[in-house]
Amino acid sequence: MKTLLVYYSNESGLDALCRDSAREGSVDVLALEPRYEKSALWHMTAGAYKAARGDGIRLEPFCVEAADYDIVIIATDVIFGFPCCAVNEFLQRCNLNAREVIGIIVHPGKGSGRPGDILRKRIALAGGDCKAVFHIPRKELQTAGCSLLTLIRKKAAQTA
């Protein structure tokens, strides 16, 4: 089974864990990178507004076709309780066409299920079949000491 790990990380340490997953060799990794650098003020104002509306932002071009993969894992930071704009843009561009999708929400602390529910709905609008959404606190992510895939396996075993 071919797996694609798509992620956007603003500051949570998600980037390092995703790159570690790529080194395992069992997954292809796509980092979503905005075309233009955005300031912290933009993220707190226009970025939060766009995230809440489900709007995207301009991304650097990527040549990954979701149809080539059996499973797509989407990992994102949370911006004021919403999945980030870069992930919204990816979901708007890609046709997940009944692909199995797993969502990962990285939040600052005690998170509610709201960002996960929103991500699940946006995945469904893109045609994906969302199997699960995992919520990972930023602190746990920073002290994990393993790749993101290993962390997901541990979370799945805890919920099973």
Foldseek 3Di string as FASTA:
>chain_A
DAEEEEEEDDDLLLVVQQVQVVVVVRYHYHYWAAPDDDDPVCCLPVFLVCQVVLAAGHTDDDPDALVVGQEYEYEAEDRPQAGTRSVSVVLVPYQNQAHEYEYEYEYADDDDCRRVVRVCVSNVVSNYDYPYYHYHYSVCSVPVPHHPVVVVVVVVVVVD
